[in-house]
Amino acid sequence: MRVLIAEDSTLLREGLVRLLVEEGHEVPGAFGDADSLLKEMAERQPDIVVLDIRMPPTHTDEGLRAALEIRERWPQVGVLVLSQHIERNYAAQLLESDAERVGYLLKDRVAQVEEFLDALERIQAGGAVIDPEVVRQLVFRTTHGDPLARLTPRECSVLEALAQGHTNTAIARKLHISLSAVEKNLAAVFDKLELSHTTGYSRRILAVLRYLES
């Protein structure tokens, strides 16, 4: 795949370039700020963009705003946003409009090379990937009245795997349960989260997004 990178940390930026090239991917550009990335989007024609959420000049939300612009102007391009810390509101903004070809990962996840590369592949294939730690904090909240608190431990595990972008078959393999058991647990999750009448792939992501914003 063709990957553009925007990351102001030279060490991480160069490390990402080296990793992707060694894995056989093409990196036609790597930039230290979001504006430079946006200026080169049309000419470089990437399959996926990997960018930091906080970049110069203010180090607040430049990467997020660039990601949202890319999703609006180049919807066919996958977007993977990296963050130093869990910022649930930013994750929700990125994912809420269209839960396809998009991901939100903590930077620590890059060090887990296989997980990082797997996330890129799932995004390129049209999926959505949310960092497992974001999902873990979300799923295991026990706030009174939170619909997630009504989920069984198995339903929580299925929801966690779902939000990481896994297909039903992959969830069954990951949790060592049957495909029918995955489907049954997902149906229960959608029902308890009041998503039973929502159709399409978005329902799978809405099961997490609805509570990223809560």
Foldseek 3Di string as FASTA:
>chain_A
DEEEEEAQPPVVQVVVCVLQVVVPYHYPYYYPFLVVVVVCCVVSVGQEYEYEQAGPDVRDGRVLVSLVVCCVPPVNHAYEYEYQDDDLVSVLVNCVPPFWRYEYEYPVVVVVPVLVVVLNVLSSVTGYAYYLVLLVVQLPDCPPPPLSVVADPVLSLLLSVLNRGDDLVVSCVVVVHDSVVSVVSVCVLCVSVVNNPPDDPVSSNCSRSVRSVD
